[in-house]
C-alpha atoms as a PDB file:
ATOM      1  CA  MET A   1      94.717  79.707 107.565  1.00  0.00           C
ATOM      2  CA  SER A   2      98.032  80.150 109.828  1.00  0.00           C
ATOM      3  CA  ARG A   3      97.791  82.636 112.352  1.00  0.00           C
ATOM      4  CA  ARG A   4      99.088  86.110 110.766  1.00  0.00           C
ATOM      5  CA  ARG A   5     101.633  88.371 112.225  1.00  0.00           C
ATOM      6  CA  ARG A   6     100.094  91.681 113.219  1.00  0.00           C
ATOM      7  CA  ILE A   7     102.603  94.604 112.243  1.00  0.00           C
ATOM      8  CA  TYR A   8     100.379  97.475 113.326  1.00  0.00           C
ATOM      9  CA  GLU A   9      97.104  98.609 114.423  1.00  0.00           C
ATOM     10  CA  GLY A  10      95.669 102.031 114.167  1.00  0.00           C
ATOM     11  CA  LYS A  11      92.157 103.528 114.717  1.00  0.00           C
ATOM     12  CA  ALA A  12      90.427 102.117 111.280  1.00  0.00           C
ATOM     13  CA  LYS A  13      92.692  99.529 110.250  1.00  0.00           C
ATOM     14  CA  VAL A  14      95.308  96.678 111.080  1.00  0.00           C
ATOM     15  CA  LEU A  15      98.360  95.754 108.911  1.00  0.00           C
ATOM     16  CA  TYR A  16      99.422  92.368 108.726  1.00  0.00           C
ATOM     17  CA  GLU A  17     102.438  90.765 107.287  1.00  0.00           C
ATOM     18  CA  GLY A  18     101.939  89.812 103.700  1.00  0.00           C
ATOM     19  CA  PRO A  19     102.452  86.911 101.738  1.00  0.00           C
ATOM     20  CA  GLU A  20     105.605  87.845  99.909  1.00  0.00           C
ATOM     21  CA  PRO A  21     108.516  90.319 101.226  1.00  0.00           C
ATOM     22  CA  GLY A  22     107.827  93.745 100.722  1.00  0.00           C
ATOM     23  CA  THR A  23     104.068  93.182 101.102  1.00  0.00           C
ATOM     24  CA  LEU A  24     101.435  93.829 103.924  1.00  0.00           C
ATOM     25  CA  ILE A  25      97.629  92.882 104.344  1.00  0.00           C
ATOM     26  CA  GLN A  26      95.657  96.073 105.005  1.00  0.00           C
ATOM     27  CA  HIS A  27      92.580  95.160 106.976  1.00  0.00           C
ATOM     28  CA  PHE A  28      89.483  97.589 107.505  1.00  0.00           C
ATOM     29  CA  LYS A  29      88.019  97.552 110.525  1.00  0.00           C
ATOM     30  CA  ASP A  30      84.517  98.999 111.371  1.00  0.00           C
ATOM     31  CA  ASP A  31      85.728 101.269 114.024  1.00  0.00           C
ATOM     32  CA  ALA A  32      84.493 105.117 113.593  1.00  0.00           C
ATOM     33  CA  THR A  33      86.833 107.587 115.721  1.00  0.00           C
ATOM     34  CA  ALA A  34      87.229 111.232 115.720  1.00  0.00           C
ATOM     35  CA  PHE A  35      89.258 113.940 117.463  1.00  0.00           C
ATOM     36  CA  ASN A  36      92.234 111.594 117.836  1.00  0.00           C
ATOM     37  CA  ASN A  37      89.900 108.625 119.275  1.00  0.00           C
ATOM     38  CA  LYS A  38      88.192 110.920 121.899  1.00  0.00           C
ATOM     39  CA  LYS A  39      85.068 109.854 120.030  1.00  0.00           C
ATOM     40  CA  HIS A  40      84.727 106.229 119.099  1.00  0.00           C
ATOM     41  CA  ASP A  41      82.081 103.787 117.905  1.00  0.00           C
ATOM     42  CA  VAL A  42      81.567 100.661 115.909  1.00  0.00           C
ATOM     43  CA  ILE A  43      79.446 100.966 113.037  1.00  0.00           C
ATOM     44  CA  ASP A  44      78.843  97.544 111.259  1.00  0.00           C
ATOM     45  CA  GLY A  45      79.545  97.419 107.407  1.00  0.00           C
ATOM     46  CA  LYS A  46      81.943 100.707 107.306  1.00  0.00           C
ATOM     47  CA  GLY A  47      85.032  98.899 106.951  1.00  0.00           C
ATOM     48  CA  VAL A  48      83.548  96.874 104.031  1.00  0.00           C
ATOM     49  CA  LEU A  49      82.829  99.885 102.189  1.00  0.00           C
ATOM     50  CA  ASN A  50      85.922 102.067 102.972  1.00  0.00           C
ATOM     51  CA  ASN A  51      87.738  99.173 101.566  1.00  0.00           C
ATOM     52  CA  ARG A  52      85.809  98.926  98.473  1.00  0.00           C
ATOM     53  CA  ILE A  53      85.843 102.871  97.886  1.00  0.00           C
ATOM     54  CA  SER A  54      89.473 102.942  98.427  1.00  0.00           C
ATOM     55  CA  GLU A  55      90.228 100.153  96.549  1.00  0.00           C
ATOM     56  CA  TYR A  56      88.132 101.733  93.458  1.00  0.00           C
ATOM     57  CA  VAL A  57      90.039 105.052  93.893  1.00  0.00           C
ATOM     58  CA  PHE A  58      93.458 103.486  94.016  1.00  0.00           C
ATOM     59  CA  LEU A  59      92.733 101.475  90.943  1.00  0.00           C
ATOM     60  CA  LYS A  60      91.765 104.502  88.976  1.00  0.00           C
ATOM     61  CA  LEU A  61      94.871 106.445  90.152  1.00  0.00           C
ATOM     62  CA  ASN A  62      97.071 103.714  89.399  1.00  0.00           C
ATOM     63  CA  GLU A  63      95.483 103.726  85.641  1.00  0.00           C
ATOM     64  CA  ILE A  64      96.334 107.296  85.180  1.00  0.00           C
ATOM     65  CA  GLY A  65      99.812 106.705  86.233  1.00  0.00           C
ATOM     66  CA  VAL A  66      99.658 107.877  89.921  1.00  0.00           C
ATOM     67  CA  PRO A  67     102.114 105.658  92.034  1.00  0.00           C
ATOM     68  CA  THR A  68     100.283 104.013  95.054  1.00  0.00           C
ATOM     69  CA  HIS A  69     100.844 101.209  97.484  1.00  0.00           C
ATOM     70  CA  PHE A  70      97.958  99.427  96.371  1.00  0.00           C
ATOM     71  CA  ILE A  71      98.268  95.911  94.635  1.00  0.00           C
ATOM     72  CA  LYS A  72      94.859  94.143  94.701  1.00  0.00           C
ATOM     73  CA  ARG A  73      91.825  93.370  97.002  1.00  0.00           C
ATOM     74  CA  LEU A  74      92.151  89.808  98.695  1.00  0.00           C
ATOM     75  CA  ASN A  75      88.369  89.916 100.095  1.00  0.00           C
ATOM     76  CA  MET A  76      85.501  92.153 101.531  1.00  0.00           C
ATOM     77  CA  ARG A  77      87.797  93.930 104.170  1.00  0.00           C
ATOM     78  CA  GLU A  78      91.516  93.329 102.917  1.00  0.00           C
ATOM     79  CA  GLN A  79      93.757  94.826 100.438  1.00  0.00           C
ATOM     80  CA  LEU A  80      97.554  93.400  99.360  1.00  0.00           C
ATOM     81  CA  ILE A  81      99.607  96.486  99.447  1.00  0.00           C
ATOM     82  CA  ARG A  82     103.185  97.300  99.071  1.00  0.00           C
ATOM     83  CA  GLU A  83     105.121  97.783 102.122  1.00  0.00           C
ATOM     84  CA  VAL A  84     106.308 101.427 102.487  1.00  0.00           C
ATOM     85  CA  GLU A  85     107.989 104.001 104.698  1.00  0.00           C
ATOM     86  CA  ILE A  86     105.226 106.100 105.907  1.00  0.00           C
ATOM     87  CA  ILE A  87     106.092 109.970 105.898  1.00  0.00           C
ATOM     88  CA  PRO A  88     104.684 111.115 109.277  1.00  0.00           C
ATOM     89  CA  LEU A  89     102.523 113.849 107.644  1.00  0.00           C
ATOM     90  CA  GLU A  90      98.724 113.987 107.001  1.00  0.00           C
ATOM     91  CA  VAL A  91      98.493 116.078 103.494  1.00  0.00           C
ATOM     92  CA  VAL A  92      95.390 117.979 103.541  1.00  0.00           C
ATOM     93  CA  VAL A  93      93.961 119.512 100.212  1.00  0.00           C
ATOM     94  CA  ARG A  94      91.264 121.815 100.697  1.00  0.00           C
ATOM     95  CA  ASN A  95      89.106 123.240  97.999  1.00  0.00           C
ATOM     96  CA  VAL A  96      86.169 124.528  99.933  1.00  0.00           C
ATOM     97  CA  ALA A  97      86.420 126.083 103.632  1.00  0.00           C
ATOM     98  CA  ALA A  98      85.261 123.349 105.967  1.00  0.00           C
ATOM     99  CA  GLY A  99      86.195 122.036 109.481  1.00  0.00           C
ATOM    100  CA  SER A 100      89.335 123.195 111.432  1.00  0.00           C
ATOM    101  CA  LEU A 101      90.012 125.824 108.429  1.00  0.00           C
ATOM    102  CA  SER A 102      86.738 127.446 108.948  1.00  0.00           C
ATOM    103  CA  THR A 103      87.354 127.599 112.644  1.00  0.00           C
ATOM    104  CA  ARG A 104      90.901 128.619 112.584  1.00  0.00           C
ATOM    105  CA  LEU A 105      90.184 131.500 110.067  1.00  0.00           C
ATOM    106  CA  GLY A 106      86.878 132.170 110.493  1.00  0.00           C
ATOM    107  CA  ILE A 107      85.620 131.461 107.122  1.00  0.00           C
ATOM    108  CA  GLU A 108      82.272 130.666 106.855  1.00  0.00           C
ATOM    109  CA  GLU A 109      81.860 126.732 105.934  1.00  0.00           C
ATOM    110  CA  GLY A 110      81.053 126.051 102.182  1.00  0.00           C
ATOM    111  CA  THR A 111      83.120 128.994 101.088  1.00  0.00           C
ATOM    112  CA  GLN A 112      84.695 128.380  97.564  1.00  0.00           C
ATOM    113  CA  LEU A 113      88.495 129.046  98.407  1.00  0.00           C
ATOM    114  CA  PRO A 114      90.591 131.137  95.771  1.00  0.00           C
ATOM    115  CA  ARG A 115      92.612 128.128  94.888  1.00  0.00           C
ATOM    116  CA  SER A 116      93.224 124.562  96.281  1.00  0.00           C
ATOM    117  CA  ILE A 117      95.238 125.142  99.649  1.00  0.00           C
ATOM    118  CA  ILE A 118      97.540 122.045 100.579  1.00  0.00           C
ATOM    119  CA  GLU A 119      98.366 121.935 104.303  1.00  0.00           C
ATOM    120  CA  PHE A 120     100.597 119.609 106.477  1.00  0.00           C
ATOM    121  CA  TYR A 121      99.943 118.015 109.803  1.00  0.00           C
ATOM    122  CA  TYR A 122     102.498 116.210 111.675  1.00  0.00           C
ATOM    123  CA  LYS A 123     101.166 112.675 112.493  1.00  0.00           C
ATOM    124  CA  ASN A 124     100.873 112.630 116.455  1.00  0.00           C
ATOM    125  CA  ASP A 125      98.071 111.623 118.351  1.00  0.00           C
ATOM    126  CA  ALA A 126      99.410 112.988 121.678  1.00  0.00           C
ATOM    127  CA  LEU A 127      99.755 116.178 120.042  1.00  0.00           C
ATOM    128  CA  ASN A 128      96.545 116.498 118.092  1.00  0.00           C
ATOM    129  CA  ASP A 129      98.208 116.343 114.734  1.00  0.00           C
ATOM    130  CA  PRO A 130      99.304 119.692 114.677  1.00  0.00           C
ATOM    131  CA  LEU A 131      99.407 122.095 111.554  1.00  0.00           C
ATOM    132  CA  VAL A 132     103.203 122.438 110.561  1.00  0.00           C
ATOM    133  CA  SER A 133     105.011 124.371 107.828  1.00  0.00           C
ATOM    134  CA  GLU A 134     107.452 123.066 105.482  1.00  0.00           C
ATOM    135  CA  GLU A 135     110.105 124.716 107.411  1.00  0.00           C
ATOM    136  CA  HIS A 136     109.304 122.494 110.353  1.00  0.00           C
ATOM    137  CA  ILE A 137     109.349 119.384 107.939  1.00  0.00           C
ATOM    138  CA  THR A 138     112.708 119.712 106.514  1.00  0.00           C
ATOM    139  CA  ALA A 139     114.238 121.240 110.136  1.00  0.00           C
ATOM    140  CA  PHE A 140     113.105 118.119 111.939  1.00  0.00           C
ATOM    141  CA  GLY A 141     114.099 115.898 109.013  1.00  0.00           C
ATOM    142  CA  TRP A 142     110.356 114.202 108.371  1.00  0.00           C
ATOM    143  CA  ALA A 143     110.780 114.744 104.930  1.00  0.00           C
ATOM    144  CA  THR A 144     113.462 116.725 102.461  1.00  0.00           C
ATOM    145  CA  THR A 145     113.016 119.490 100.220  1.00  0.00           C
ATOM    146  CA  GLN A 146     112.535 117.227  97.236  1.00  0.00           C
ATOM    147  CA  GLU A 147     110.100 114.982  98.796  1.00  0.00           C
ATOM    148  CA  ILE A 148     107.789 117.747  99.827  1.00  0.00           C
ATOM    149  CA  ASP A 149     107.875 118.949  96.115  1.00  0.00           C
ATOM    150  CA  ASP A 150     106.932 115.267  95.172  1.00  0.00           C
ATOM    151  CA  ILE A 151     104.244 115.112  97.632  1.00  0.00           C
ATOM    152  CA  ILE A 152     103.009 118.310  96.182  1.00  0.00           C
ATOM    153  CA  ALA A 153     102.788 117.272  92.820  1.00  0.00           C
ATOM    154  CA  LEU A 154     101.088 113.886  94.015  1.00  0.00           C
ATOM    155  CA  ALA A 155      98.584 115.816  96.021  1.00  0.00           C
ATOM    156  CA  ILE A 156      97.629 118.033  92.993  1.00  0.00           C
ATOM    157  CA  ARG A 157      97.243 115.150  90.731  1.00  0.00           C
ATOM    158  CA  VAL A 158      94.882 113.127  93.198  1.00  0.00           C
ATOM    159  CA  ASN A 159      92.791 116.658  93.928  1.00  0.00           C
ATOM    160  CA  ASP A 160      92.449 116.999  90.160  1.00  0.00           C
ATOM    161  CA  PHE A 161      91.414 113.285  89.551  1.00  0.00           C
ATOM    162  CA  LEU A 162      89.349 113.115  92.678  1.00  0.00           C
ATOM    163  CA  SER A 163      87.572 116.396  91.931  1.00  0.00           C
ATOM    164  CA  GLY A 164      86.585 115.430  88.351  1.00  0.00           C
ATOM    165  CA  LEU A 165      85.495 111.905  89.599  1.00  0.00           C
ATOM    166  CA  PHE A 166      83.166 112.908  92.155  1.00  0.00           C
ATOM    167  CA  LEU A 167      81.742 115.845  90.251  1.00  0.00           C
ATOM    168  CA  GLY A 168      80.708 113.346  87.606  1.00  0.00           C
ATOM    169  CA  VAL A 169      78.467 111.656  90.020  1.00  0.00           C
ATOM    170  CA  GLY A 170      77.015 114.730  91.787  1.00  0.00           C
ATOM    171  CA  ILE A 171      79.502 115.050  94.558  1.00  0.00           C
ATOM    172  CA  ARG A 172      81.546 118.097  95.662  1.00  0.00           C
ATOM    173  CA  LEU A 173      85.019 117.420  96.792  1.00  0.00           C
ATOM    174  CA  VAL A 174      85.306 119.996  99.817  1.00  0.00           C
ATOM    175  CA  ASP A 175      88.642 118.335 101.021  1.00  0.00           C
ATOM    176  CA  PHE A 176      90.502 115.218 101.614  1.00  0.00           C
ATOM    177  CA  LYS A 177      93.455 113.805 103.650  1.00  0.00           C
ATOM    178  CA  MET A 178      96.366 111.927 102.049  1.00  0.00           C
ATOM    179  CA  GLU A 179      99.463 109.923 103.404  1.00  0.00           C
ATOM    180  CA  CYS A 180     102.490 109.187 101.430  1.00  0.00           C
ATOM    181  CA  GLY A 181     105.206 106.595 101.659  1.00  0.00           C
ATOM    182  CA  ARG A 182     108.645 105.905 100.622  1.00  0.00           C
ATOM    183  CA  LEU A 183     108.851 102.894  98.348  1.00  0.00           C
ATOM    184  CA  TRP A 184     112.152 101.456  98.061  1.00  0.00           C
ATOM    185  CA  GLU A 185     113.228  99.327  94.918  1.00  0.00           C
ATOM    186  CA  GLY A 186     116.446  98.160  95.334  1.00  0.00           C
ATOM    187  CA  ASP A 187     118.422 101.258  95.865  1.00  0.00           C
ATOM    188  CA  MET A 188     116.012 103.455  93.964  1.00  0.00           C
ATOM    189  CA  MET A 189     113.324 105.222  96.477  1.00  0.00           C
ATOM    190  CA  ARG A 190     110.116 106.992  95.094  1.00  0.00           C
ATOM    191  CA  ILE A 191     107.236 108.773  96.838  1.00  0.00           C
ATOM    192  CA  VAL A 192     103.772 107.039  96.672  1.00  0.00           C
ATOM    193  CA  VAL A 193     100.303 107.542  97.938  1.00  0.00           C
ATOM    194  CA  ALA A 194      99.477 105.344 100.884  1.00  0.00           C
ATOM    195  CA  ASP A 195      97.066 104.550 103.453  1.00  0.00           C
ATOM    196  CA  GLU A 196      93.307 104.980 102.278  1.00  0.00           C
ATOM    197  CA  ILE A 197      91.030 107.467 100.194  1.00  0.00           C
ATOM    198  CA  SER A 198      87.517 106.957 101.417  1.00  0.00           C
ATOM    199  CA  PRO A 199      84.695 108.760 102.865  1.00  0.00           C
ATOM    200  CA  ASP A 200      86.767 108.276 106.039  1.00  0.00           C
ATOM    201  CA  SER A 201      89.470 110.661 104.769  1.00  0.00           C
ATOM    202  CA  CYS A 202      87.190 113.049 102.364  1.00  0.00           C
ATOM    203  CA  ARG A 203      84.863 115.730 102.760  1.00  0.00           C
ATOM    204  CA  LEU A 204      82.048 115.083 100.268  1.00  0.00           C
ATOM    205  CA  TRP A 205      78.918 116.896  99.878  1.00  0.00           C
ATOM    206  CA  ASP A 206      76.004 116.386  97.562  1.00  0.00           C
ATOM    207  CA  ILE A 207      76.497 118.969  94.933  1.00  0.00           C
ATOM    208  CA  LYS A 208      72.831 120.000  94.923  1.00  0.00           C
ATOM    209  CA  SER A 209      71.655 119.530  98.276  1.00  0.00           C
ATOM    210  CA  ASN A 210      74.929 119.922 100.254  1.00  0.00           C
ATOM    211  CA  ASP A 211      74.194 116.769 102.122  1.00  0.00           C
ATOM    212  CA  LYS A 212      77.037 115.438 104.040  1.00  0.00           C
ATOM    213  CA  LEU A 213      78.180 111.831 102.714  1.00  0.00           C
ATOM    214  CA  ASP A 214      81.535 111.596 104.795  1.00  0.00           C
ATOM    215  CA  LYS A 215      82.835 111.149 108.223  1.00  0.00           C
ATOM    216  CA  ASP A 216      81.232 114.436 109.690  1.00  0.00           C
ATOM    217  CA  ARG A 217      78.094 112.662 109.761  1.00  0.00           C
ATOM    218  CA  PHE A 218      79.959 110.759 112.759  1.00  0.00           C
ATOM    219  CA  ARG A 219      81.828 113.572 113.887  1.00  0.00           C
ATOM    220  CA  ARG A 220      78.753 115.937 114.297  1.00  0.00           C
ATOM    221  CA  ASP A 221      76.276 113.270 115.438  1.00  0.00           C
ATOM    222  CA  MET A 222      74.199 113.399 112.523  1.00  0.00           C
ATOM    223  CA  GLY A 223      73.806 109.679 111.827  1.00  0.00           C
ATOM    224  CA  GLY A 224      73.215 107.994 108.918  1.00  0.00           C
ATOM    225  CA  LEU A 225      76.959 107.110 108.233  1.00  0.00           C
ATOM    226  CA  VAL A 226      76.666 103.801 106.502  1.00  0.00           C
ATOM    227  CA  GLU A 227      73.730 105.036 104.362  1.00  0.00           C
ATOM    228  CA  ALA A 228      75.832 108.130 103.139  1.00  0.00           C
ATOM    229  CA  TYR A 229      79.000 105.781 102.515  1.00  0.00           C
ATOM    230  CA  SER A 230      76.705 103.329 100.513  1.00  0.00           C
ATOM    231  CA  GLU A 231      75.338 106.368  98.588  1.00  0.00           C
ATOM    232  CA  VAL A 232      78.946 107.163  97.824  1.00  0.00           C
ATOM    233  CA  ALA A 233      79.570 103.755  96.609  1.00  0.00           C
ATOM    234  CA  ARG A 234      76.202 103.514  94.760  1.00  0.00           C
ATOM    235  CA  ARG A 235      77.073 106.784  92.822  1.00  0.00           C
ATOM    236  CA  LEU A 236      80.471 105.062  91.929  1.00  0.00           C
ATOM    237  CA  GLY A 237      79.156 101.943  90.749  1.00  0.00           C
ATOM    238  CA  ILE A 238      80.417  99.762  93.310  1.00  0.00           C
ATOM    239  CA  MET A 239      76.913  98.926  94.839  1.00  0.00           C
ATOM    240  CA  THR A 240      73.834  98.356  92.956  1.00  0.00           C
ATOM    241  CA  GLU A 241      71.192 101.178  92.996  1.00  0.00           C
ATOM    242  CA  ASN A 242      68.684  99.260  94.756  1.00  0.00           C
ATOM    243  CA  GLU A 243      70.800  97.722  97.451  1.00  0.00           C
ATOM    244  CA  ARG A 244      70.414  98.794 100.967  1.00  0.00           C
ATOM    245  CA  ALA A 245      73.203  98.397 103.762  1.00  0.00           C
ATOM    246  CA  GLN A 246      71.995  95.394 105.711  1.00  0.00           C
ATOM    247  CA  PRO A 247      73.036  94.983 109.612  1.00  0.00           C
ATOM    248  CA  GLY A 248      75.661  92.392 108.488  1.00  0.00           C
ATOM    249  CA  GLY A 249      77.274  94.874 105.928  1.00  0.00           C
ATOM    250  CA  PRO A 250      76.234  95.985 102.614  1.00  0.00           C
ATOM    251  CA  VAL A 251      76.377  93.593  99.633  1.00  0.00           C
ATOM    252  CA  LEU A 252      78.524  95.037  96.760  1.00  0.00           C
ATOM    253  CA  VAL A 253      79.178  94.215  93.039  1.00  0.00           C
ATOM    254  CA  LYS A 254      82.107  94.728  90.964  1.00  0.00           C
ATOM    255  CA  SER A 255      83.949  92.114  93.133  1.00  0.00           C
ATOM    256  CA  GLU A 256      87.082  90.584  91.474  1.00  0.00           C
ATOM    257  CA  PRO A 257      88.220  88.093  94.011  1.00  0.00           C
ATOM    258  CA  ASP A 258      91.415  86.553  93.376  1.00  0.00           C
ATOM    259  CA  GLU A 259      91.960  82.766  93.512  1.00  0.00           C
END
């Protein structure tokens, strides 16, 4: 295979030039980061699991008519995606108090919120991704009022879908982070869900035990990250029930490689 042109490398993924105009290849790394890369490690098998879980979620979203950048999975670590203009916002949807919300407002972690709350954070590692208002977003031109409305509508739909999906397999969706992009098709533009949706970007708790099945296991030095992600994959039917994460990376099922 000829050497691919690298477009962008982030903390957990690399984007390469795609095979066709308007496409990119998204490669999932094994890097685990927290607190804007102040904490970093490489955890064997993490990228494989995130790729497959995110593929599963994006396929389901596409099926119910939620527009995303996802086209298809290429292999165990890579996806073919549509090239979009990323909006520099992290959209966080919260159903249960946890993380920075609990710290910021003094609400006990695990408290069910009166309703789902949508927050926006400006994507800037140097500034530690500050919380911003819709006024900031429109004043600084990061997104228009109509785009914000579209993003909120997508966030509500994704939250409703994910909450039901995970509840069905005994997992509580505490909160999740989502990114959006502008997809241009000729002169037409629409807002789509981009990046990834995986245990890296969601807080997922076992509904009975409240065991954490997400990146908080890394943030809080709890250990067992790959085992937790593997449990999510098993419950979603992506891994076989008796399969265990191996040092070389977990073996996954429901594989549909493209020739």
